[in-house]
Amino acid sequence: MQLTPAPVTKLIEEFSRLPGIGPKTASRLTFYLLRNPADRAKVLAEALQQLHAKVTFCSQCFNITENNPCAVCSNEHRDPSIICVVEEPLDVIAIERTRDYHGLYHVLHGVIAPVEGIGPEDLRIAELLQRVRASDKVREVIIATNPNLEGEATAMYIARQFQGSKVKTTRLARGLPVGGDLEYADEITLSRALSGRSEIS
């Protein structure tokens, strides 16, 4: 005998699939929506539908955007000689909050993680290399992956791809805590990390 109605069970299961949400949190979210007016659930459902219908990836930097190219890539006031390579779109938002960076971005959508079966070919690294080689303006690539094992491995892999080229590869300074994520860093820490970046030898 099933005590929980099938639609409730299904929504709990779907919430549980989201990162950082366990069965208890999934249950709380489901029953919260159940207790609230139907309009609240309808608004959430519409927002989820619009997420894939209206949001796409920029064909140049692969950040999320409604318009292609994105607002950063299409901004003539940005410095096209510098590309900051980040793991996720949230990292772009974090760096933009500092108001200290005025170059372009390239979003990898992950990091090299052999344990999880993620290699360089699963990321936007090939597109980065092609983008840099096709431009005569790029003189520096800032690698702003997270300061953890996977982030370091990804940074070293990318840096090796540019060895022998005229493009300088730099890494954010160690103002960022090892094992931390860019999206949780405060503006001052990120500002210092950007200004104190160093070349990868």
N, C-alpha and C. Protein backbone atom coordinates (compact mmCIF):
# COMPACT_ATOMS: atom_id res chain seq x y z
N MET A 1 0.84 -1.19 0.00
CA MET A 1 0.00 0.00 0.00
C MET A 1 0.88 1.25 0.00
N GLN A 2 0.67 2.13 -0.99
CA GLN A 2 1.47 3.34 -1.11
C GLN A 2 0.77 4.50 -0.41
N LEU A 3 1.44 5.06 0.64
CA LEU A 3 0.85 6.16 1.41
C LEU A 3 0.99 7.49 0.69
N THR A 4 2.07 7.67 -0.06
CA THR A 4 2.31 8.92 -0.76
C THR A 4 1.79 8.84 -2.19
N PRO A 5 0.97 9.82 -2.62
CA PRO A 5 0.48 9.81 -4.00
C PRO A 5 1.62 9.82 -5.01
N ALA A 6 1.42 9.15 -6.13
CA ALA A 6 2.47 9.01 -7.15
C ALA A 6 3.06 10.35 -7.61
N PRO A 7 2.25 11.42 -7.85
CA PRO A 7 2.83 12.70 -8.28
C PRO A 7 3.79 13.31 -7.25
N VAL A 8 3.47 13.10 -5.96
CA VAL A 8 4.33 13.61 -4.89
C VAL A 8 5.64 12.85 -4.88
N THR A 9 5.56 11.53 -4.95
CA THR A 9 6.76 10.69 -4.99
C THR A 9 7.64 11.05 -6.17
N LYS A 10 7.01 11.27 -7.33
CA LYS A 10 7.75 11.60 -8.55
C LYS A 10 8.50 12.92 -8.40
N LEU A 11 7.86 13.94 -7.83
CA LEU A 11 8.51 15.24 -7.66
C LEU A 11 9.66 15.15 -6.66
N ILE A 12 9.48 14.38 -5.59
CA ILE A 12 10.55 14.17 -4.61
C ILE A 12 11.76 13.53 -5.30
N GLU A 13 11.49 12.53 -6.12
CA GLU A 13 12.57 11.85 -6.86
C GLU A 13 13.32 12.83 -7.77
N GLU A 14 12.56 13.69 -8.46
CA GLU A 14 13.18 14.64 -9.40
C GLU A 14 14.00 15.69 -8.65
N PHE A 15 13.48 16.19 -7.53
CA PHE A 15 14.25 17.16 -6.71
C PHE A 15 15.53 16.50 -6.19
N SER A 16 15.44 15.21 -5.83
CA SER A 16 16.60 14.49 -5.28
C SER A 16 17.73 14.34 -6.29
N ARG A 17 17.41 14.43 -7.57
CA ARG A 17 18.42 14.32 -8.62
C ARG A 17 19.29 15.59 -8.72
N LEU A 18 18.80 16.68 -8.17
CA LEU A 18 19.54 17.94 -8.24
C LEU A 18 20.75 17.91 -7.30
N PRO A 19 21.87 18.54 -7.70
CA PRO A 19 23.07 18.51 -6.85
C PRO A 19 22.83 19.21 -5.52
N GLY A 20 23.28 18.58 -4.45
CA GLY A 20 23.18 19.18 -3.11
C GLY A 20 21.83 19.00 -2.45
N ILE A 21 20.91 18.31 -3.10
CA ILE A 21 19.58 18.10 -2.52
C ILE A 21 19.38 16.62 -2.23
N GLY A 22 19.26 16.33 -0.94
CA GLY A 22 19.03 14.96 -0.52
C GLY A 22 17.54 14.68 -0.41
N PRO A 23 17.17 13.46 -0.03
CA PRO A 23 15.75 13.08 0.08
C PRO A 23 14.93 13.95 1.04
N LYS A 24 15.54 14.36 2.16
CA LYS A 24 14.80 15.18 3.14
C LYS A 24 14.49 16.57 2.57
N THR A 25 15.50 17.19 1.97
CA THR A 25 15.28 18.52 1.37
C THR A 25 14.30 18.42 0.22
N ALA A 26 14.40 17.36 -0.58
CA ALA A 26 13.49 17.14 -1.70
C ALA A 26 12.05 17.01 -1.20
N SER A 27 11.88 16.31 -0.09
CA SER A 27 10.54 16.15 0.50
C SER A 27 10.01 17.49 1.00
N ARG A 28 10.88 18.28 1.67
CA ARG A 28 10.47 19.60 2.19
C ARG A 28 10.03 20.51 1.05
N LEU A 29 10.80 20.52 -0.04
CA LEU A 29 10.45 21.37 -1.19
C LEU A 29 9.12 20.95 -1.81
N THR A 30 8.92 19.65 -1.94
CA THR A 30 7.69 19.13 -2.53
C THR A 30 6.48 19.50 -1.69
N PHE A 31 6.58 19.29 -0.37
CA PHE A 31 5.42 19.60 0.49
C PHE A 31 5.22 21.10 0.65
N TYR A 32 6.28 21.87 0.50
CA TYR A 32 6.15 23.34 0.51
C TYR A 32 5.30 23.77 -0.69
N LEU A 33 5.61 23.22 -1.86
CA LEU A 33 4.84 23.55 -3.06
C LEU A 33 3.40 23.05 -2.95
N LEU A 34 3.22 21.92 -2.31
CA LEU A 34 1.89 21.34 -2.15
C LEU A 34 1.01 22.21 -1.24
N ARG A 35 1.64 22.80 -0.20
CA ARG A 35 0.90 23.65 0.75
C ARG A 35 0.56 25.02 0.17
N ASN A 36 1.35 25.50 -0.79
CA ASN A 36 1.15 26.82 -1.36
C ASN A 36 0.11 26.80 -2.47
N PRO A 37 -0.38 27.99 -2.85
CA PRO A 37 -1.37 28.05 -3.94
C PRO A 37 -0.82 27.44 -5.22
N ALA A 38 -1.71 26.93 -6.06
CA ALA A 38 -1.31 26.28 -7.31
C ALA A 38 -0.55 27.24 -8.22
N ASP A 39 -0.83 28.54 -8.08
CA ASP A 39 -0.14 29.54 -8.91
C ASP A 39 1.37 29.51 -8.71
N ARG A 40 1.80 29.27 -7.47
CA ARG A 40 3.25 29.23 -7.16
C ARG A 40 3.92 28.10 -7.94
N ALA A 41 3.28 26.93 -7.95
CA ALA A 41 3.83 25.78 -8.69
C ALA A 41 3.80 26.05 -10.20
N LYS A 42 2.77 26.76 -10.66
CA LYS A 42 2.65 27.07 -12.09
C LYS A 42 3.78 28.00 -12.53
N VAL A 43 4.08 29.00 -11.71
CA VAL A 43 5.16 29.94 -12.01
C VAL A 43 6.50 29.20 -12.07
N LEU A 44 6.72 28.28 -11.13
CA LEU A 44 7.95 27.49 -11.12
C LEU A 44 8.05 26.62 -12.37
N ALA A 45 6.95 25.99 -12.74
CA ALA A 45 6.93 25.13 -13.93
C ALA A 45 7.23 25.94 -15.19
N GLU A 46 6.67 27.14 -15.28
CA GLU A 46 6.92 28.00 -16.45
C GLU A 46 8.38 28.44 -16.50
N ALA A 47 8.95 28.75 -15.33
CA ALA A 47 10.36 29.16 -15.27
C ALA A 47 11.28 28.03 -15.73
N LEU A 48 10.94 26.80 -15.35
CA LEU A 48 11.73 25.64 -15.77
C LEU A 48 11.63 25.41 -17.27
N GLN A 49 10.44 25.60 -17.82
CA GLN A 49 10.25 25.43 -19.27
C GLN A 49 11.04 26.49 -20.06
N GLN A 50 11.02 27.74 -19.56
CA GLN A 50 11.70 28.83 -20.25
C GLN A 50 13.22 28.68 -20.16
N LEU A 51 13.69 27.96 -19.15
CA LEU A 51 15.12 27.76 -18.96
C LEU A 51 15.77 27.17 -20.22
N HIS A 52 15.15 26.16 -20.80
CA HIS A 52 15.69 25.54 -22.00
C HIS A 52 15.17 26.18 -23.29
N ALA A 53 13.99 26.79 -23.19
CA ALA A 53 13.42 27.40 -24.39
C ALA A 53 14.11 28.71 -24.75
N LYS A 54 14.53 29.47 -23.75
CA LYS A 54 15.06 30.82 -24.02
C LYS A 54 16.54 31.00 -23.72
N VAL A 55 17.14 30.08 -22.98
CA VAL A 55 18.55 30.22 -22.63
C VAL A 55 19.38 29.30 -23.52
N THR A 56 20.46 29.86 -24.07
CA THR A 56 21.35 29.09 -24.94
C THR A 56 22.79 29.37 -24.53
N PHE A 57 23.74 28.79 -25.25
CA PHE A 57 25.15 29.05 -24.99
C PHE A 57 25.70 29.99 -26.05
N CYS A 58 26.51 30.93 -25.62
CA CYS A 58 27.18 31.84 -26.54
C CYS A 58 28.10 31.03 -27.45
N SER A 59 28.06 31.28 -28.74
CA SER A 59 28.86 30.51 -29.69
C SER A 59 30.35 30.85 -29.61
N GLN A 60 30.69 31.95 -28.89
CA GLN A 60 32.09 32.34 -28.77
C GLN A 60 32.70 31.90 -27.44
N CYS A 61 32.03 32.23 -26.33
CA CYS A 61 32.62 31.94 -25.02
C CYS A 61 31.93 30.79 -24.28
N PHE A 62 30.76 30.37 -24.76
CA PHE A 62 29.99 29.26 -24.18
C PHE A 62 29.40 29.58 -22.81
N ASN A 63 29.28 30.88 -22.50
CA ASN A 63 28.55 31.27 -21.30
C ASN A 63 27.05 31.19 -21.64
N ILE A 64 26.21 31.15 -20.63
CA ILE A 64 24.77 31.11 -20.86
C ILE A 64 24.30 32.49 -21.28
N THR A 65 23.33 32.54 -22.19
CA THR A 65 22.84 33.82 -22.69
C THR A 65 21.47 33.66 -23.33
N GLU A 66 20.76 34.77 -23.45
CA GLU A 66 19.51 34.78 -24.21
C GLU A 66 19.78 35.18 -25.65
N ASN A 67 20.85 35.95 -25.85
CA ASN A 67 21.23 36.41 -27.19
C ASN A 67 22.61 35.92 -27.55
N ASN A 68 22.79 35.56 -28.81
CA ASN A 68 24.07 35.04 -29.27
C ASN A 68 24.65 35.97 -30.33
N PRO A 69 25.85 36.53 -30.12
CA PRO A 69 26.75 36.32 -28.98
C PRO A 69 26.24 37.01 -27.71
N CYS A 70 26.84 36.64 -26.58
CA CYS A 70 26.40 37.14 -25.28
C CYS A 70 26.77 38.62 -25.11
N ALA A 71 26.31 39.21 -24.01
CA ALA A 71 26.53 40.63 -23.74
C ALA A 71 28.01 40.96 -23.59
N VAL A 72 28.82 40.05 -23.06
CA VAL A 72 30.25 40.30 -22.89
C VAL A 72 30.96 40.25 -24.25
N CYS A 73 30.72 39.18 -25.01
CA CYS A 73 31.39 39.02 -26.30
C CYS A 73 31.02 40.10 -27.30
N SER A 74 29.81 40.63 -27.20
CA SER A 74 29.36 41.65 -28.14
C SER A 74 29.67 43.08 -27.68
N ASN A 75 30.28 43.20 -26.49
CA ASN A 75 30.60 44.52 -25.94
C ASN A 75 31.93 45.00 -26.52
N GLU A 76 31.91 46.07 -27.30
CA GLU A 76 33.11 46.60 -27.95
C GLU A 76 34.10 47.22 -26.98
N HIS A 77 33.65 47.48 -25.76
CA HIS A 77 34.52 48.09 -24.76
C HIS A 77 35.35 47.06 -23.97
N ARG A 78 35.08 45.77 -24.19
CA ARG A 78 35.86 44.73 -23.51
C ARG A 78 37.20 44.57 -24.24
N ASP A 79 38.22 44.15 -23.48
CA ASP A 79 39.57 43.97 -24.03
C ASP A 79 39.68 42.59 -24.69
N PRO A 80 39.77 42.51 -26.03
CA PRO A 80 39.82 41.22 -26.71
C PRO A 80 41.17 40.53 -26.63
N SER A 81 42.16 41.18 -26.00
CA SER A 81 43.50 40.59 -25.92
C SER A 81 43.65 39.63 -24.74
N ILE A 82 42.64 39.62 -23.85
CA ILE A 82 42.70 38.76 -22.66
C ILE A 82 41.45 37.88 -22.60
N ILE A 83 41.66 36.59 -22.40
CA ILE A 83 40.54 35.66 -22.22
C ILE A 83 40.71 34.98 -20.87
N CYS A 84 39.68 35.06 -20.04
CA CYS A 84 39.68 34.41 -18.73
C CYS A 84 38.91 33.10 -18.85
N VAL A 85 39.59 32.00 -18.57
CA VAL A 85 38.99 30.66 -18.69
C VAL A 85 38.44 30.23 -17.34
N VAL A 86 37.15 29.94 -17.28
CA VAL A 86 36.51 29.52 -16.03
C VAL A 86 35.81 28.18 -16.22
N GLU A 87 35.46 27.57 -15.09
CA GLU A 87 34.81 26.26 -15.13
C GLU A 87 33.33 26.36 -15.51
N GLU A 88 32.61 27.28 -14.86
CA GLU A 88 31.16 27.34 -14.99
C GLU A 88 30.67 28.78 -15.17
N PRO A 89 29.45 28.97 -15.69
CA PRO A 89 28.88 30.31 -15.83
C PRO A 89 28.82 31.09 -14.51
N LEU A 90 28.64 30.40 -13.39
CA LEU A 90 28.61 31.08 -12.09
C LEU A 90 29.93 31.79 -11.80
N ASP A 91 31.04 31.25 -12.34
CA ASP A 91 32.35 31.87 -12.12
C ASP A 91 32.46 33.19 -12.87
N VAL A 92 31.81 33.30 -14.02
CA VAL A 92 31.79 34.57 -14.76
C VAL A 92 31.10 35.64 -13.91
N ILE A 93 29.98 35.27 -13.32
CA ILE A 93 29.23 36.21 -12.47
C ILE A 93 30.09 36.66 -11.29
N ALA A 94 30.80 35.71 -10.69
CA ALA A 94 31.65 36.02 -9.53
C ALA A 94 32.76 37.01 -9.91
N ILE A 95 33.41 36.79 -11.04
CA ILE A 95 34.50 37.68 -11.48
C ILE A 95 33.95 39.03 -11.90
N GLU A 96 32.80 39.06 -12.55
CA GLU A 96 32.20 40.33 -12.97
C GLU A 96 31.83 41.19 -11.76
N ARG A 97 31.50 40.56 -10.64
CA ARG A 97 31.16 41.33 -9.43
C ARG A 97 32.33 42.18 -8.94
N THR A 98 33.56 41.78 -9.26
CA THR A 98 34.73 42.54 -8.80
C THR A 98 34.87 43.87 -9.55
N ARG A 99 34.33 43.93 -10.76
CA ARG A 99 34.44 45.11 -11.63
C ARG A 99 35.89 45.44 -11.97
N ASP A 100 36.81 44.49 -11.78
CA ASP A 100 38.23 44.70 -12.05
C ASP A 100 38.69 44.05 -13.35
N TYR A 101 37.87 43.20 -13.91
CA TYR A 101 38.26 42.48 -15.12
C TYR A 101 37.46 43.00 -16.30
N HIS A 102 38.15 43.32 -17.39
CA HIS A 102 37.47 43.92 -18.54
C HIS A 102 37.75 43.18 -19.85
N GLY A 103 38.28 41.95 -19.73
CA GLY A 103 38.54 41.15 -20.91
C GLY A 103 37.35 40.27 -21.26
N LEU A 104 37.63 39.21 -22.02
CA LEU A 104 36.60 38.27 -22.43
C LEU A 104 36.68 36.99 -21.58
N TYR A 105 35.74 36.09 -21.79
CA TYR A 105 35.69 34.84 -21.02
C TYR A 105 35.64 33.64 -21.95
N HIS A 106 35.93 32.48 -21.36
CA HIS A 106 35.69 31.20 -22.03
C HIS A 106 35.27 30.21 -20.95
N VAL A 107 34.07 29.65 -21.08
CA VAL A 107 33.52 28.74 -20.07
C VAL A 107 33.73 27.29 -20.51
N LEU A 108 34.42 26.52 -19.67
CA LEU A 108 34.73 25.13 -20.00
C LEU A 108 33.57 24.17 -19.76
N HIS A 109 32.70 24.50 -18.82
CA HIS A 109 31.60 23.63 -18.39
C HIS A 109 32.12 22.36 -17.74
N GLY A 110 33.05 22.55 -16.80
CA GLY A 110 33.58 21.43 -16.03
C GLY A 110 35.09 21.46 -15.96
N VAL A 111 35.64 20.40 -15.42
CA VAL A 111 37.10 20.25 -15.30
C VAL A 111 37.48 18.82 -15.65
N ILE A 112 38.75 18.64 -15.92
CA ILE A 112 39.25 17.29 -16.19
C ILE A 112 39.18 16.48 -14.90
N ALA A 113 38.44 15.39 -14.91
CA ALA A 113 38.26 14.55 -13.72
C ALA A 113 38.23 13.08 -14.15
N PRO A 114 39.41 12.46 -14.29
CA PRO A 114 39.47 11.07 -14.77
C PRO A 114 38.64 10.09 -13.95
N VAL A 115 38.55 10.31 -12.65
CA VAL A 115 37.77 9.42 -11.78
C VAL A 115 36.31 9.39 -12.21
N GLU A 116 35.81 10.55 -12.68
CA GLU A 116 34.41 10.65 -13.12
C GLU A 116 34.29 10.42 -14.63
N GLY A 117 35.41 10.08 -15.27
CA GLY A 117 35.38 9.81 -16.70
C GLY A 117 35.31 11.06 -17.57
N ILE A 118 35.72 12.21 -17.01
CA ILE A 118 35.70 13.47 -17.76
C ILE A 118 37.11 13.81 -18.23
N GLY A 119 37.30 13.81 -19.53
CA GLY A 119 38.59 14.14 -20.12
C GLY A 119 38.53 15.48 -20.83
N PRO A 120 39.65 15.94 -21.39
CA PRO A 120 39.70 17.23 -22.09
C PRO A 120 38.68 17.32 -23.23
N GLU A 121 38.42 16.19 -23.88
CA GLU A 121 37.48 16.19 -25.01
C GLU A 121 36.04 16.42 -24.58
N ASP A 122 35.75 16.29 -23.28
CA ASP A 122 34.40 16.50 -22.77
C ASP A 122 34.15 17.96 -22.40
N LEU A 123 35.19 18.77 -22.44
CA LEU A 123 35.09 20.19 -22.08
C LEU A 123 35.20 21.06 -23.33
N ARG A 124 35.13 22.35 -23.16
CA ARG A 124 35.23 23.29 -24.28
C ARG A 124 36.67 23.75 -24.50
N ILE A 125 37.62 22.84 -24.30
CA ILE A 125 39.04 23.18 -24.46
C ILE A 125 39.40 23.30 -25.93
N ALA A 126 38.92 22.40 -26.77
CA ALA A 126 39.22 22.46 -28.21
C ALA A 126 38.72 23.78 -28.80
N GLU A 127 37.54 24.23 -28.36
CA GLU A 127 36.98 25.49 -28.84
C GLU A 127 37.83 26.68 -28.38
N LEU A 128 38.38 26.58 -27.16
CA LEU A 128 39.27 27.63 -26.65
C LEU A 128 40.51 27.74 -27.52
N LEU A 129 41.15 26.60 -27.80
CA LEU A 129 42.36 26.59 -28.62
C LEU A 129 42.09 27.14 -30.01
N GLN A 130 40.98 26.74 -30.58
CA GLN A 130 40.61 27.21 -31.91
C GLN A 130 40.36 28.71 -31.89
N ARG A 131 39.68 29.16 -30.86
CA ARG A 131 39.34 30.59 -30.72
C ARG A 131 40.61 31.45 -30.62
N VAL A 132 41.56 31.00 -29.81
CA VAL A 132 42.80 31.76 -29.61
C VAL A 132 43.65 31.74 -30.88
N ARG A 133 43.75 30.58 -31.51
CA ARG A 133 44.58 30.46 -32.73
C ARG A 133 43.99 31.23 -33.91
N ALA A 134 42.67 31.40 -33.92
CA ALA A 134 42.03 32.11 -35.01
C ALA A 134 42.09 33.62 -34.85
N SER A 135 42.53 34.08 -33.68
CA SER A 135 42.59 35.51 -33.40
C SER A 135 44.04 35.98 -33.33
N ASP A 136 44.29 37.16 -33.88
CA ASP A 136 45.63 37.74 -33.76
C ASP A 136 45.67 38.77 -32.63
N LYS A 137 44.55 38.87 -31.89
CA LYS A 137 44.46 39.86 -30.81
C LYS A 137 44.80 39.29 -29.44
N VAL A 138 44.55 37.99 -29.22
CA VAL A 138 44.73 37.41 -27.89
C VAL A 138 46.21 37.30 -27.53
N ARG A 139 46.58 37.93 -26.42
CA ARG A 139 47.97 37.86 -25.96
C ARG A 139 48.11 37.20 -24.59
N GLU A 140 46.97 37.04 -23.88
CA GLU A 140 47.01 36.40 -22.56
C GLU A 140 45.77 35.57 -22.32
N VAL A 141 45.97 34.37 -21.77
CA VAL A 141 44.87 33.52 -21.33
C VAL A 141 45.02 33.34 -19.83
N ILE A 142 44.05 33.85 -19.08
CA ILE A 142 44.05 33.70 -17.61
C ILE A 142 43.27 32.43 -17.29
N ILE A 143 43.91 31.50 -16.63
CA ILE A 143 43.21 30.26 -16.26
C ILE A 143 42.69 30.42 -14.84
N ALA A 144 41.36 30.50 -14.74
CA ALA A 144 40.72 30.77 -13.45
C ALA A 144 39.89 29.57 -12.99
N THR A 145 40.45 28.38 -13.14
CA THR A 145 39.77 27.19 -12.62
C THR A 145 39.92 27.17 -11.10
N ASN A 146 39.08 26.43 -10.43
CA ASN A 146 39.11 26.38 -8.97
C ASN A 146 40.42 25.78 -8.46
N PRO A 147 40.92 26.28 -7.32
CA PRO A 147 42.21 25.79 -6.80
C PRO A 147 42.09 24.46 -6.06
N ASN A 148 41.64 23.44 -6.77
CA ASN A 148 41.60 22.08 -6.22
C ASN A 148 42.31 21.15 -7.20
N LEU A 149 42.36 19.87 -6.91
CA LEU A 149 43.11 18.91 -7.72
C LEU A 149 42.67 18.92 -9.19
N GLU A 150 41.37 18.86 -9.42
CA GLU A 150 40.86 18.84 -10.80
C GLU A 150 41.11 20.16 -11.51
N GLY A 151 40.91 21.27 -10.77
CA GLY A 151 41.14 22.59 -11.34
C GLY A 151 42.59 22.79 -11.73
N GLU A 152 43.50 22.31 -10.88
CA GLU A 152 44.94 22.42 -11.16
C GLU A 152 45.32 21.57 -12.38
N ALA A 153 44.79 20.36 -12.45
CA ALA A 153 45.08 19.48 -13.57
C ALA A 153 44.60 20.10 -14.88
N THR A 154 43.42 20.70 -14.84
CA THR A 154 42.86 21.35 -16.02
C THR A 154 43.71 22.55 -16.43
N ALA A 155 44.14 23.33 -15.45
CA ALA A 155 44.98 24.50 -15.72
C ALA A 155 46.29 24.10 -16.38
N MET A 156 46.92 23.06 -15.84
CA MET A 156 48.19 22.60 -16.39
C MET A 156 48.02 22.05 -17.82
N TYR A 157 46.92 21.35 -18.05
CA TYR A 157 46.65 20.81 -19.38
C TYR A 157 46.50 21.95 -20.39
N ILE A 158 45.72 22.95 -20.04
CA ILE A 158 45.50 24.09 -20.95
C ILE A 158 46.81 24.84 -21.18
N ALA A 159 47.57 25.07 -20.11
CA ALA A 159 48.85 25.79 -20.22
C ALA A 159 49.79 25.07 -21.19
N ARG A 160 49.80 23.74 -21.12
CA ARG A 160 50.67 22.96 -22.02
C ARG A 160 50.29 23.15 -23.49
N GLN A 161 49.00 23.35 -23.75
CA GLN A 161 48.55 23.53 -25.12
C GLN A 161 49.08 24.82 -25.74
N PHE A 162 49.41 25.79 -24.89
CA PHE A 162 49.89 27.08 -25.39
C PHE A 162 51.41 27.22 -25.31
N GLN A 163 52.10 26.17 -24.84
CA GLN A 163 53.56 26.24 -24.78
C GLN A 163 54.13 26.43 -26.17
N GLY A 164 55.10 27.35 -26.26
CA GLY A 164 55.73 27.63 -27.54
C GLY A 164 54.98 28.64 -28.38
N SER A 165 53.82 29.10 -27.93
CA SER A 165 53.07 30.11 -28.68
C SER A 165 53.36 31.49 -28.10
N LYS A 166 52.86 32.51 -28.76
CA LYS A 166 53.07 33.89 -28.30
C LYS A 166 52.09 34.28 -27.19
N VAL A 167 51.15 33.38 -26.93
CA VAL A 167 50.13 33.66 -25.92
C VAL A 167 50.65 33.31 -24.53
N LYS A 168 50.57 34.28 -23.63
CA LYS A 168 51.01 34.07 -22.25
C LYS A 168 49.86 33.44 -21.47
N THR A 169 50.14 32.37 -20.72
CA THR A 169 49.12 31.78 -19.86
C THR A 169 49.43 32.11 -18.41
N THR A 170 48.43 32.63 -17.71
CA THR A 170 48.58 32.99 -16.31
C THR A 170 47.53 32.28 -15.48
N ARG A 171 47.77 32.22 -14.19
CA ARG A 171 46.86 31.57 -13.24
C ARG A 171 46.50 32.60 -12.19
N LEU A 172 45.29 32.55 -11.67
CA LEU A 172 44.91 33.47 -10.60
C LEU A 172 45.86 33.29 -9.42
N ALA A 173 46.16 34.40 -8.75
CA ALA A 173 47.03 34.35 -7.57
C ALA A 173 46.37 33.54 -6.47
N ARG A 174 47.17 33.14 -5.50
CA ARG A 174 46.68 32.24 -4.46
C ARG A 174 45.87 32.94 -3.37
N GLY A 175 45.22 34.02 -3.73
CA GLY A 175 44.32 34.65 -2.77
C GLY A 175 43.09 33.79 -2.56
N LEU A 176 42.87 32.86 -3.48
CA LEU A 176 41.72 31.97 -3.37
C LEU A 176 42.07 30.77 -2.51
N PRO A 177 41.18 30.35 -1.63
CA PRO A 177 41.47 29.19 -0.78
C PRO A 177 41.51 27.91 -1.57
N VAL A 178 42.49 27.06 -1.28
CA VAL A 178 42.60 25.77 -1.94
C VAL A 178 41.40 24.91 -1.55
N GLY A 179 40.79 24.31 -2.54
CA GLY A 179 39.61 23.48 -2.28
C GLY A 179 38.32 24.26 -2.34
N GLY A 180 38.40 25.61 -2.53
CA GLY A 180 37.20 26.43 -2.57
C GLY A 180 36.68 26.60 -3.99
N ASP A 181 35.52 27.23 -4.12
CA ASP A 181 34.91 27.50 -5.42
C ASP A 181 34.86 29.00 -5.65
N LEU A 182 35.08 29.41 -6.90
CA LEU A 182 35.06 30.83 -7.25
C LEU A 182 33.74 31.50 -6.89
N GLU A 183 32.64 30.78 -7.11
CA GLU A 183 31.33 31.39 -6.90
C GLU A 183 31.10 31.82 -5.44
N TYR A 184 31.86 31.23 -4.48
CA TYR A 184 31.69 31.58 -3.07
C TYR A 184 32.73 32.58 -2.58
N ALA A 185 33.66 32.96 -3.45
CA ALA A 185 34.69 33.92 -3.05
C ALA A 185 34.12 35.33 -3.02
N ASP A 186 34.58 36.12 -2.05
CA ASP A 186 34.11 37.51 -1.98
C ASP A 186 34.85 38.36 -3.00
N GLU A 187 34.32 39.58 -3.23
CA GLU A 187 34.87 40.46 -4.27
C GLU A 187 36.32 40.83 -4.03
N ILE A 188 36.70 41.10 -2.77
CA ILE A 188 38.07 41.53 -2.45
C ILE A 188 39.06 40.41 -2.75
N THR A 189 38.73 39.19 -2.33
CA THR A 189 39.60 38.04 -2.58
C THR A 189 39.78 37.82 -4.07
N LEU A 190 38.67 37.88 -4.82
CA LEU A 190 38.76 37.69 -6.26
C LEU A 190 39.54 38.81 -6.93
N SER A 191 39.36 40.03 -6.44
CA SER A 191 40.09 41.18 -6.98
C SER A 191 41.59 40.99 -6.82
N ARG A 192 42.00 40.58 -5.62
CA ARG A 192 43.43 40.36 -5.35
C ARG A 192 43.97 39.20 -6.18
N ALA A 193 43.16 38.17 -6.34
CA ALA A 193 43.60 37.02 -7.13
C ALA A 193 43.80 37.41 -8.60
N LEU A 194 42.91 38.26 -9.10
CA LEU A 194 43.04 38.72 -10.48
C LEU A 194 44.28 39.59 -10.67
N SER A 195 44.46 40.55 -9.77
CA SER A 195 45.59 41.49 -9.92
C SER A 195 46.93 40.80 -9.66
N GLY A 196 46.94 39.75 -8.86
CA GLY A 196 48.20 39.06 -8.54
C GLY A 196 48.41 37.78 -9.31
N ARG A 197 47.74 37.63 -10.46
CA ARG A 197 47.89 36.42 -11.26
C ARG A 197 49.34 36.26 -11.73
N SER A 198 49.76 35.02 -11.92
CA SER A 198 51.15 34.75 -12.30
C SER A 198 51.20 33.86 -13.53
N GLU A 199 52.31 33.95 -14.25
CA GLU A 199 52.47 33.15 -15.46
C GLU A 199 52.73 31.70 -15.11
N ILE A 200 52.17 30.78 -15.88
CA ILE A 200 52.35 29.35 -15.66
C ILE A 200 53.60 28.93 -16.43
N SER A 201 54.56 28.40 -15.69
CA SER A 201 55.82 28.01 -16.36
C SER A 201 55.77 26.56 -16.81
